C-alpha atoms as a PDB file:
ATOM      1  CA  MET A   1     121.244  80.315 101.925  1.00  0.00           C
ATOM      2  CA  ARG A   2     118.431  78.991  99.782  1.00  0.00           C
ATOM      3  CA  ILE A   3     115.139  80.868  99.500  1.00  0.00           C
ATOM      4  CA  VAL A   4     112.065  78.852  98.529  1.00  0.00           C
ATOM      5  CA  LEU A   5     109.005  80.762  97.346  1.00  0.00           C
ATOM      6  CA  VAL A   6     105.764  78.793  97.553  1.00  0.00           C
ATOM      7  CA  VAL A   7     103.531  80.309  94.879  1.00  0.00           C
ATOM      8  CA  ARG A   8     100.081  79.941  93.379  1.00  0.00           C
ATOM      9  CA  ASN A   9      98.858  82.307  90.639  1.00  0.00           C
ATOM     10  CA  GLN A  10     101.653  84.848  91.186  1.00  0.00           C
ATOM     11  CA  ALA A  11     102.829  85.369  87.607  1.00  0.00           C
ATOM     12  CA  LEU A  12     102.496  89.152  87.924  1.00  0.00           C
ATOM     13  CA  ARG A  13     105.146  89.508  90.602  1.00  0.00           C
ATOM     14  CA  ILE A  14     107.162  86.293  90.438  1.00  0.00           C
ATOM     15  CA  ALA A  15     110.034  87.827  88.453  1.00  0.00           C
ATOM     16  CA  SER A  16     110.476  90.768  90.827  1.00  0.00           C
ATOM     17  CA  ALA A  17     110.260  88.385  93.807  1.00  0.00           C
ATOM     18  CA  VAL A  18     113.012  86.167  92.388  1.00  0.00           C
ATOM     19  CA  VAL A  19     115.287  89.124  91.623  1.00  0.00           C
ATOM     20  CA  ARG A  20     114.728  90.476  95.133  1.00  0.00           C
ATOM     21  CA  ALA A  21     115.421  87.098  96.721  1.00  0.00           C
ATOM     22  CA  LEU A  22     118.681  86.736  94.782  1.00  0.00           C
ATOM     23  CA  ASP A  23     119.970  89.799  96.642  1.00  0.00           C
ATOM     24  CA  PHE A  24     120.018  87.648  99.786  1.00  0.00           C
ATOM     25  CA  ALA A  25     120.534  84.041  98.674  1.00  0.00           C
ATOM     26  CA  GLU A  26     122.747  81.983  96.390  1.00  0.00           C
ATOM     27  CA  ARG A  27     119.785  79.843  95.277  1.00  0.00           C
ATOM     28  CA  VAL A  28     116.140  80.660  94.740  1.00  0.00           C
ATOM     29  CA  THR A  29     113.625  77.867  94.235  1.00  0.00           C
ATOM     30  CA  ILE A  30     110.007  78.239  93.180  1.00  0.00           C
ATOM     31  CA  LEU A  31     107.628  75.635  94.566  1.00  0.00           C
ATOM     32  CA  ASN A  32     104.847  76.051  92.023  1.00  0.00           C
ATOM     33  CA  LEU A  33     101.553  74.724  93.385  1.00  0.00           C
ATOM     34  CA  GLU A  34      99.820  74.799  90.017  1.00  0.00           C
ATOM     35  CA  GLU A  35     100.889  73.839  86.513  1.00  0.00           C
ATOM     36  CA  ASP A  36     101.206  77.491  85.560  1.00  0.00           C
ATOM     37  CA  GLU A  37     103.634  77.546  82.650  1.00  0.00           C
ATOM     38  CA  GLU A  38     103.817  81.348  82.595  1.00  0.00           C
ATOM     39  CA  THR A  39     104.953  81.480  86.225  1.00  0.00           C
ATOM     40  CA  SER A  40     107.561  78.783  85.626  1.00  0.00           C
ATOM     41  CA  VAL A  41     108.972  80.490  82.519  1.00  0.00           C
ATOM     42  CA  LEU A  42     109.181  83.884  84.219  1.00  0.00           C
ATOM     43  CA  ALA A  43     110.815  82.403  87.319  1.00  0.00           C
ATOM     44  CA  GLU A  44     113.434  80.492  85.332  1.00  0.00           C
ATOM     45  CA  SER A  45     114.233  83.518  83.174  1.00  0.00           C
ATOM     46  CA  ALA A  46     114.805  85.536  86.366  1.00  0.00           C
ATOM     47  CA  GLY A  47     117.308  82.956  87.651  1.00  0.00           C
ATOM     48  CA  ALA A  48     115.274  80.551  89.807  1.00  0.00           C
ATOM     49  CA  GLU A  49     114.797  76.815  89.664  1.00  0.00           C
ATOM     50  CA  VAL A  50     111.224  75.546  89.554  1.00  0.00           C
ATOM     51  CA  ILE A  51     109.706  72.538  91.310  1.00  0.00           C
ATOM     52  CA  LEU A  52     106.120  71.591  90.460  1.00  0.00           C
ATOM     53  CA  HIS A  53     104.236  70.536  93.589  1.00  0.00           C
ATOM     54  CA  ASP A  54     100.709  69.157  93.529  1.00  0.00           C
ATOM     55  CA  GLY A  55     100.580  67.971  97.154  1.00  0.00           C
ATOM     56  CA  GLN A  56      99.538  69.611 100.397  1.00  0.00           C
ATOM     57  CA  THR A  57     101.167  72.804 101.691  1.00  0.00           C
ATOM     58  CA  ASP A  58     101.694  71.810 105.315  1.00  0.00           C
ATOM     59  CA  ALA A  59     105.233  72.024 106.724  1.00  0.00           C
ATOM     60  CA  PRO A  60     106.168  68.288 106.621  1.00  0.00           C
ATOM     61  CA  THR A  61     104.931  67.871 103.035  1.00  0.00           C
ATOM     62  CA  ILE A  62     106.866  70.914 101.832  1.00  0.00           C
ATOM     63  CA  ALA A  63     109.958  69.747 103.723  1.00  0.00           C
ATOM     64  CA  LYS A  64     109.740  66.325 102.035  1.00  0.00           C
ATOM     65  CA  ALA A  65     109.584  68.030  98.633  1.00  0.00           C
ATOM     66  CA  LEU A  66     112.723  70.062  99.370  1.00  0.00           C
ATOM     67  CA  VAL A  67     114.996  67.861 101.434  1.00  0.00           C
ATOM     68  CA  SER A  68     116.278  65.765  98.517  1.00  0.00           C
ATOM     69  CA  SER A  69     117.434  68.869  96.604  1.00  0.00           C
ATOM     70  CA  THR A  70     118.958  70.663  99.617  1.00  0.00           C
ATOM     71  CA  GLU A  71     122.671  70.559 100.368  1.00  0.00           C
ATOM     72  CA  GLU A  72     123.848  69.872 103.923  1.00  0.00           C
ATOM     73  CA  GLU A  73     125.462  73.284 104.387  1.00  0.00           C
ATOM     74  CA  GLU A  74     122.459  75.215 103.117  1.00  0.00           C
ATOM     75  CA  ARG A  75     120.057  77.193 105.254  1.00  0.00           C
ATOM     76  CA  THR A  76     116.568  77.149 103.754  1.00  0.00           C
ATOM     77  CA  VAL A  77     114.111  80.030 104.037  1.00  0.00           C
ATOM     78  CA  ILE A  78     110.572  79.131 102.941  1.00  0.00           C
ATOM     79  CA  ILE A  79     108.175  81.971 102.114  1.00  0.00           C
ATOM     80  CA  SER A  80     104.537  81.701 101.161  1.00  0.00           C
ATOM     81  CA  LEU A  81     104.300  84.263  98.380  1.00  0.00           C
ATOM     82  CA  ASP A  82     100.674  85.348  98.717  1.00  0.00           C
ATOM     83  CA  ASP A  83      98.648  88.483  99.379  1.00  0.00           C
ATOM     84  CA  ASP A  84      99.599  88.453 103.069  1.00  0.00           C
ATOM     85  CA  TRP A  85     103.344  88.710 102.369  1.00  0.00           C
ATOM     86  CA  LYS A  86     104.973  91.600 100.523  1.00  0.00           C
ATOM     87  CA  LEU A  87     108.414  91.968  98.969  1.00  0.00           C
ATOM     88  CA  SER A  88     109.213  94.696 101.482  1.00  0.00           C
ATOM     89  CA  ASP A  89     109.021  92.009 104.222  1.00  0.00           C
ATOM     90  CA  ILE A  90     111.951  90.011 102.878  1.00  0.00           C
ATOM     91  CA  ALA A  91     114.674  91.820 104.850  1.00  0.00           C
ATOM     92  CA  ARG A  92     112.824  91.194 108.132  1.00  0.00           C
ATOM     93  CA  THR A  93     112.230  87.570 107.176  1.00  0.00           C
ATOM     94  CA  ILE A  94     115.908  87.018 106.390  1.00  0.00           C
ATOM     95  CA  GLY A  95     116.836  88.721 109.659  1.00  0.00           C
ATOM     96  CA  LEU A  96     114.697  86.257 111.631  1.00  0.00           C
ATOM     97  CA  SER A  97     116.390  83.353 109.848  1.00  0.00           C
ATOM     98  CA  ARG A  98     119.749  84.445 111.292  1.00  0.00           C
ATOM     99  CA  GLN A  99     118.764  83.759 114.901  1.00  0.00           C
ATOM    100  CA  GLY A 100     120.406  80.337 114.790  1.00  0.00           C
ATOM    101  CA  HIS A 101     117.417  78.012 115.274  1.00  0.00           C
ATOM    102  CA  ASP A 102     117.301  74.661 113.535  1.00  0.00           C
ATOM    103  CA  VAL A 103     113.599  75.234 112.850  1.00  0.00           C
ATOM    104  CA  PHE A 104     111.731  78.527 112.906  1.00  0.00           C
ATOM    105  CA  ILE A 105     108.126  78.467 111.678  1.00  0.00           C
ATOM    106  CA  ALA A 106     105.785  81.439 111.534  1.00  0.00           C
ATOM    107  CA  PHE A 107     102.197  80.330 111.074  1.00  0.00           C
ATOM    108  CA  LYS A 108      99.430  82.608 109.918  1.00  0.00           C
ATOM    109  CA  HIS A 109      96.957  83.672 112.571  1.00  0.00           C
ATOM    110  CA  ARG A 110      94.635  80.731 113.273  1.00  0.00           C
ATOM    111  CA  THR A 111      91.580  82.661 112.014  1.00  0.00           C
ATOM    112  CA  MET A 112      93.293  82.992 108.610  1.00  0.00           C
ATOM    113  CA  ASN A 113      94.063  79.292 108.217  1.00  0.00           C
ATOM    114  CA  ARG A 114      92.036  77.692 105.436  1.00  0.00           C
ATOM    115  CA  ARG A 115      91.157  74.457 107.212  1.00  0.00           C
ATOM    116  CA  VAL A 116      90.231  76.118 110.506  1.00  0.00           C
ATOM    117  CA  THR A 117      88.264  78.888 108.829  1.00  0.00           C
ATOM    118  CA  ASP A 118      86.357  76.592 106.498  1.00  0.00           C
ATOM    119  CA  ASN A 119      85.443  73.835 108.937  1.00  0.00           C
ATOM    120  CA  ARG A 120      85.050  75.449 112.343  1.00  0.00           C
ATOM    121  CA  PRO A 121      85.447  79.224 112.178  1.00  0.00           C
ATOM    122  CA  ASP A 122      84.263  79.988 115.706  1.00  0.00           C
ATOM    123  CA  ALA A 123      85.796  77.058 117.566  1.00  0.00           C
ATOM    124  CA  PRO A 124      88.895  77.720 119.684  1.00  0.00           C
ATOM    125  CA  VAL A 125      92.049  75.862 118.713  1.00  0.00           C
ATOM    126  CA  ASP A 126      93.861  73.845 121.386  1.00  0.00           C
ATOM    127  CA  SER A 127      97.601  74.462 121.043  1.00  0.00           C
ATOM    128  CA  ASP A 128      98.336  70.851 122.045  1.00  0.00           C
ATOM    129  CA  THR A 129      96.310  69.515 119.096  1.00  0.00           C
ATOM    130  CA  TYR A 130      97.032  72.300 116.615  1.00  0.00           C
ATOM    131  CA  THR A 131      98.618  70.167 113.913  1.00  0.00           C
ATOM    132  CA  TYR A 132     100.615  71.107 110.827  1.00  0.00           C
ATOM    133  CA  ALA A 133      97.548  70.338 108.729  1.00  0.00           C
ATOM    134  CA  ASP A 134      95.608  72.988 110.647  1.00  0.00           C
ATOM    135  CA  ALA A 135      98.282  75.649 110.203  1.00  0.00           C
ATOM    136  CA  ASP A 136      99.179  77.644 107.109  1.00  0.00           C
ATOM    137  CA  ILE A 137     102.829  78.675 106.916  1.00  0.00           C
ATOM    138  CA  GLN A 138     103.603  82.318 106.227  1.00  0.00           C
ATOM    139  CA  PHE A 139     107.364  81.793 106.339  1.00  0.00           C
ATOM    140  CA  ALA A 140     109.822  79.360 107.870  1.00  0.00           C
ATOM    141  CA  TYR A 141     113.543  78.774 108.279  1.00  0.00           C
ATOM    142  CA  CYS A 142     115.293  75.424 108.598  1.00  0.00           C
ATOM    143  CA  SER A 143     118.855  74.217 108.796  1.00  0.00           C
ATOM    144  CA  PHE A 144     119.476  70.977 106.937  1.00  0.00           C
ATOM    145  CA  SER A 145     119.017  68.894 110.096  1.00  0.00           C
ATOM    146  CA  GLY A 146     115.893  70.881 110.950  1.00  0.00           C
ATOM    147  CA  LEU A 147     114.458  70.363 107.461  1.00  0.00           C
ATOM    148  CA  GLN A 148     115.037  66.613 107.782  1.00  0.00           C
ATOM    149  CA  ALA A 149     113.369  66.559 111.190  1.00  0.00           C
ATOM    150  CA  VAL A 150     110.255  68.331 109.906  1.00  0.00           C
ATOM    151  CA  ALA A 151     110.177  66.083 106.814  1.00  0.00           C
ATOM    152  CA  ASN A 152     110.127  63.014 109.079  1.00  0.00           C
ATOM    153  CA  GLN A 153     106.903  64.201 110.709  1.00  0.00           C
ATOM    154  CA  SER A 154     103.385  63.704 109.377  1.00  0.00           C
ATOM    155  CA  PRO A 155     100.844  66.438 108.597  1.00  0.00           C
ATOM    156  CA  ASP A 156      98.851  65.346 111.674  1.00  0.00           C
ATOM    157  CA  SER A 157     101.840  65.856 113.980  1.00  0.00           C
ATOM    158  CA  VAL A 158     102.303  68.933 116.141  1.00  0.00           C
ATOM    159  CA  PRO A 159     105.528  70.994 116.202  1.00  0.00           C
ATOM    160  CA  ALA A 160     106.050  70.098 119.881  1.00  0.00           C
ATOM    161  CA  GLU A 161     106.765  66.513 118.802  1.00  0.00           C
ATOM    162  CA  LEU A 162     110.036  67.479 117.106  1.00  0.00           C
ATOM    163  CA  ASP A 163     113.183  65.780 118.340  1.00  0.00           C
ATOM    164  CA  GLY A 164     114.441  67.337 121.557  1.00  0.00           C
ATOM    165  CA  GLU A 165     117.866  67.882 119.988  1.00  0.00           C
ATOM    166  CA  ILE A 166     116.321  70.209 117.404  1.00  0.00           C
ATOM    167  CA  ASP A 167     116.362  73.863 118.448  1.00  0.00           C
ATOM    168  CA  ALA A 168     112.869  74.839 117.311  1.00  0.00           C
ATOM    169  CA  ARG A 169     110.780  77.966 117.625  1.00  0.00           C
ATOM    170  CA  VAL A 170     107.190  78.211 116.407  1.00  0.00           C
ATOM    171  CA  VAL A 171     105.209  81.448 116.434  1.00  0.00           C
ATOM    172  CA  GLU A 172     101.736  82.508 115.371  1.00  0.00           C
ATOM    173  CA  LEU A 173     101.559  85.837 113.574  1.00  0.00           C
ATOM    174  CA  ASP A 174      99.175  88.560 114.684  1.00  0.00           C
ATOM    175  CA  LEU A 175      96.264  89.626 112.575  1.00  0.00           C
ATOM    176  CA  PRO A 176      97.101  92.504 110.205  1.00  0.00           C
ATOM    177  CA  SER A 177      96.106  95.911 111.512  1.00  0.00           C
ATOM    178  CA  GLY A 178      93.184  97.763 109.990  1.00  0.00           C
ATOM    179  CA  PRO A 179      89.817  96.582 108.705  1.00  0.00           C
ATOM    180  CA  PRO A 180      89.468  93.137 107.075  1.00  0.00           C
ATOM    181  CA  ARG A 181      90.508  92.977 103.464  1.00  0.00           C
ATOM    182  CA  ARG A 182      87.794  92.830 100.875  1.00  0.00           C
ATOM    183  CA  GLU A 183      87.864  91.464  97.389  1.00  0.00           C
ATOM    184  CA  SER A 184      89.175  94.158  95.094  1.00  0.00           C
ATOM    185  CA  LEU A 185      88.130  94.984  91.565  1.00  0.00           C
ATOM    186  CA  ALA A 186      91.825  94.685  90.766  1.00  0.00           C
ATOM    187  CA  SER A 187      91.216  90.970  90.175  1.00  0.00           C
ATOM    188  CA  ALA A 188      89.026  91.790  87.163  1.00  0.00           C
ATOM    189  CA  SER A 189      91.904  91.573  84.679  1.00  0.00           C
ATOM    190  CA  ARG A 190      95.645  91.137  84.509  1.00  0.00           C
ATOM    191  CA  PHE A 191      96.133  94.772  83.599  1.00  0.00           C
ATOM    192  CA  ALA A 192      94.071  95.846  86.608  1.00  0.00           C
ATOM    193  CA  GLN A 193      96.083  93.514  88.862  1.00  0.00           C
ATOM    194  CA  PHE A 194      99.328  94.954  87.518  1.00  0.00           C
ATOM    195  CA  PHE A 195      98.091  98.517  88.060  1.00  0.00           C
ATOM    196  CA  TYR A 196      96.976  97.605  91.604  1.00  0.00           C
ATOM    197  CA  TRP A 197     100.413  96.119  92.318  1.00  0.00           C
ATOM    198  CA  MET A 198     102.118  99.325  91.138  1.00  0.00           C
ATOM    199  CA  LEU A 199     100.029 101.404  93.517  1.00  0.00           C
ATOM    200  CA  GLU A 200     100.377  98.956  96.420  1.00  0.00           C
ATOM    201  CA  SER A 201     104.151  98.662  96.056  1.00  0.00           C
ATOM    202  CA  LYS A 202     104.552 102.460  96.467  1.00  0.00           C
ATOM    203  CA  HIS A 203     107.427 102.394  94.033  1.00  0.00           C
ATOM    204  CA  PRO A 204     109.047 105.855  93.691  1.00  0.00           C
ATOM    205  CA  LEU A 205     109.123 105.587  89.909  1.00  0.00           C
ATOM    206  CA  ILE A 206     105.335 105.206  90.042  1.00  0.00           C
ATOM    207  CA  LEU A 207     104.507 107.672  92.813  1.00  0.00           C
ATOM    208  CA  PHE A 208     106.775 110.447  91.552  1.00  0.00           C
ATOM    209  CA  GLY A 209     107.807 109.448  88.035  1.00  0.00           C
ATOM    210  CA  VAL A 210     104.355 109.199  86.457  1.00  0.00           C
ATOM    211  CA  PRO A 211     103.065 112.527  87.911  1.00  0.00           C
ATOM    212  CA  GLY A 212     106.365 114.114  86.890  1.00  0.00           C
ATOM    213  CA  ILE A 213     105.910 113.031  83.279  1.00  0.00           C
ATOM    214  CA  VAL A 214     102.319 114.321  83.293  1.00  0.00           C
ATOM    215  CA  PHE A 215     103.246 117.738  84.730  1.00  0.00           C
ATOM    216  CA  PHE A 216     106.193 118.092  82.376  1.00  0.00           C
ATOM    217  CA  TRP A 217     104.059 117.226  79.349  1.00  0.00           C
ATOM    218  CA  VAL A 218     101.273 119.644  80.405  1.00  0.00           C
ATOM    219  CA  GLY A 219     103.770 122.455  80.967  1.00  0.00           C
ATOM    220  CA  PHE A 220     105.440 121.811  77.614  1.00  0.00           C
ATOM    221  CA  GLU A 221     102.116 121.819  75.754  1.00  0.00           C
ATOM    222  CA  MET A 222     100.993 125.034  77.481  1.00  0.00           C
ATOM    223  CA  ALA A 223     104.252 126.753  76.615  1.00  0.00           C
ATOM    224  CA  ASN A 224     104.059 125.526  73.021  1.00  0.00           C
ATOM    225  CA  GLU A 225     100.495 126.856  72.611  1.00  0.00           C
ATOM    226  CA  LEU A 226     101.498 130.180  74.112  1.00  0.00           C
ATOM    227  CA  ILE A 227     104.405 130.554  71.695  1.00  0.00           C
ATOM    228  CA  ASN A 228     102.152 129.789  68.700  1.00  0.00           C
ATOM    229  CA  PHE A 229      99.469 132.231  69.893  1.00  0.00           C
ATOM    230  CA  GLN A 230      99.246 135.038  67.319  1.00  0.00           C
ATOM    231  CA  GLY A 231      97.056 137.515  69.255  1.00  0.00           C
ATOM    232  CA  PRO A 232      98.111 140.229  71.679  1.00  0.00           C
ATOM    233  CA  HIS A 233      99.694 139.091  74.931  1.00  0.00           C
ATOM    234  CA  ASP A 234      97.883 140.334  78.052  1.00  0.00           C
ATOM    235  CA  SER A 235      97.604 139.413  81.727  1.00  0.00           C
ATOM    236  CA  VAL A 236      95.905 136.119  80.798  1.00  0.00           C
ATOM    237  CA  SER A 237      98.855 135.169  78.624  1.00  0.00           C
ATOM    238  CA  LEU A 238     101.201 136.027  81.473  1.00  0.00           C
ATOM    239  CA  GLY A 239      99.225 133.752  83.811  1.00  0.00           C
ATOM    240  CA  VAL A 240      99.346 130.930  81.313  1.00  0.00           C
ATOM    241  CA  ALA A 241     103.101 131.409  80.968  1.00  0.00           C
ATOM    242  CA  LEU A 242     103.581 131.273  84.737  1.00  0.00           C
ATOM    243  CA  ALA A 243     101.379 128.158  84.955  1.00  0.00           C
ATOM    244  CA  ALA A 244     103.374 126.478  82.179  1.00  0.00           C
ATOM    245  CA  PHE A 245     106.624 127.314  83.951  1.00  0.00           C
ATOM    246  CA  ALA A 246     105.310 125.999  87.288  1.00  0.00           C
ATOM    247  CA  ALA A 247     104.000 122.748  85.750  1.00  0.00           C
ATOM    248  CA  THR A 248     107.301 122.131  83.955  1.00  0.00           C
ATOM    249  CA  LEU A 249     109.289 122.865  87.127  1.00  0.00           C
ATOM    250  CA  VAL A 250     107.126 120.508  89.209  1.00  0.00           C
ATOM    251  CA  GLY A 251     107.494 117.809  86.551  1.00  0.00           C
ATOM    252  CA  VAL A 252     111.290 118.059  86.486  1.00  0.00           C
ATOM    253  CA  PHE A 253     111.447 118.092  90.293  1.00  0.00           C
ATOM    254  CA  SER A 254     109.175 115.032  90.546  1.00  0.00           C
ATOM    255  CA  LEU A 255     111.167 113.078  87.954  1.00  0.00           C
ATOM    256  CA  THR A 256     114.443 113.921  89.711  1.00  0.00           C
ATOM    257  CA  THR A 257     112.987 112.894  93.080  1.00  0.00           C
ATOM    258  CA  SER A 258     111.790 109.553  91.714  1.00  0.00           C
ATOM    259  CA  LEU A 259     115.233 108.719  90.334  1.00  0.00           C
ATOM    260  CA  ILE A 260     116.997 109.710  93.561  1.00  0.00           C
ATOM    261  CA  LEU A 261     114.596 107.678  95.737  1.00  0.00           C
ATOM    262  CA  TYR A 262     114.882 104.712  93.403  1.00  0.00           C
ATOM    263  CA  VAL A 263     118.691 104.679  93.603  1.00  0.00           C
ATOM    264  CA  LEU A 264     118.679 105.216  97.390  1.00  0.00           C
ATOM    265  CA  GLY A 265     116.092 102.447  97.813  1.00  0.00           C
ATOM    266  CA  LYS A 266     118.284 100.014  95.885  1.00  0.00           C
ATOM    267  CA  GLN A 267     121.263 100.836  98.084  1.00  0.00           C
ATOM    268  CA  VAL A 268     119.320 100.609 101.356  1.00  0.00           C
ATOM    269  CA  ASN A 269     117.727  97.297 100.377  1.00  0.00           C
ATOM    270  CA  ARG A 270     121.157  95.767  99.838  1.00  0.00           C
ATOM    271  CA  MET A 271     122.409  96.720 103.300  1.00  0.00           C
ATOM    272  CA  PRO A 272     120.835  93.778 105.214  1.00  0.00           C
ATOM    273  CA  ASN A 273     122.655  91.362 102.913  1.00  0.00           C
ATOM    274  CA  ARG A 274     125.987  92.579 104.327  1.00  0.00           C
ATOM    275  CA  THR A 275     125.041  91.716 107.914  1.00  0.00           C
ATOM    276  CA  PRO A 276     127.234  88.819 109.097  1.00  0.00           C
ATOM    277  CA  PHE A 277     125.526  85.638 110.205  1.00  0.00           C
ATOM    278  CA  LYS A 278     125.530  85.118 113.939  1.00  0.00           C
END
C-alpha cells in the first residue's frame, strides 16, 4: 500500500501524519501543493518522499502526477490533509480502501467544494454534469489499473464515464455535524496553531499530563512552604498540609493515567494494520 497525502500549509502536523501513515503503508508520499521547504524537509525527515505539484487538485490531475511513480502491485490511498480530515480518521479510511474496488473516491459535500461555493453557491448540482473539476477530493483509493483509468480522464469528465471494466464507487460525504466552523484565532501565529492542535487532538499526554505536572508542582511547593514555616502549626497549617497532599496525589494520578492511555492508544491504533486484506 502507498499512502499519498495532498498537503498545503500543513507544516505543523506533517511529521505526525507521515509517522501515522507509515503504521499502515510501506510508502508514504507527500504531494506538496506549494513550494513550502519546511513541509518538505519535515516530511522527508519523517520517512516520506515528496513530490512538488503546482497543478490542479482534481482527481485526474492528481492521478497523472502519481501514476508514473506507482508500481503495478501497489494500492494507492490518496488523502487530502486539510482541516476537514483528522489523523484519527486514518484507520477508517484504510478500512474503506480494503473493500476491493478499483476506484473509490469520496468527494467533499458539494457545498464545501471551492469551485461550486465560489461561483454558484445556491445553484443545485446535477449529478450527470458534476465533473471532477467541480468536486474536491477528501480521500480516494485506487488500484494501479484504477489509477491509470482516472489519469486517462480529463478534469471536465464525470466519474460515470470510467471504463465499464473498472469497479468504481464514488460517494459524496455528508456535512460535518454541529454549527459551521468559524475562523479561529489559532491562525494568529504558529505557536497558537500548535497549541490549538494539541487541544483538538485530545492527546492524553496533553489532557492528563499537563494538569498532572501542574498539580504535582503546586502540591510540592505547598508542602515545601509548610515545612519551612517557622511559626506554630494550627488548624490552618493542617488544612494546607491536606491540600498539598491532595494536589500531589491528583498530580501523580493524572500523570500515571496519561502514560497508561498513551501506551494503550498506541497499541489500539496498530490493531487495524493487522487486519488481512479481503
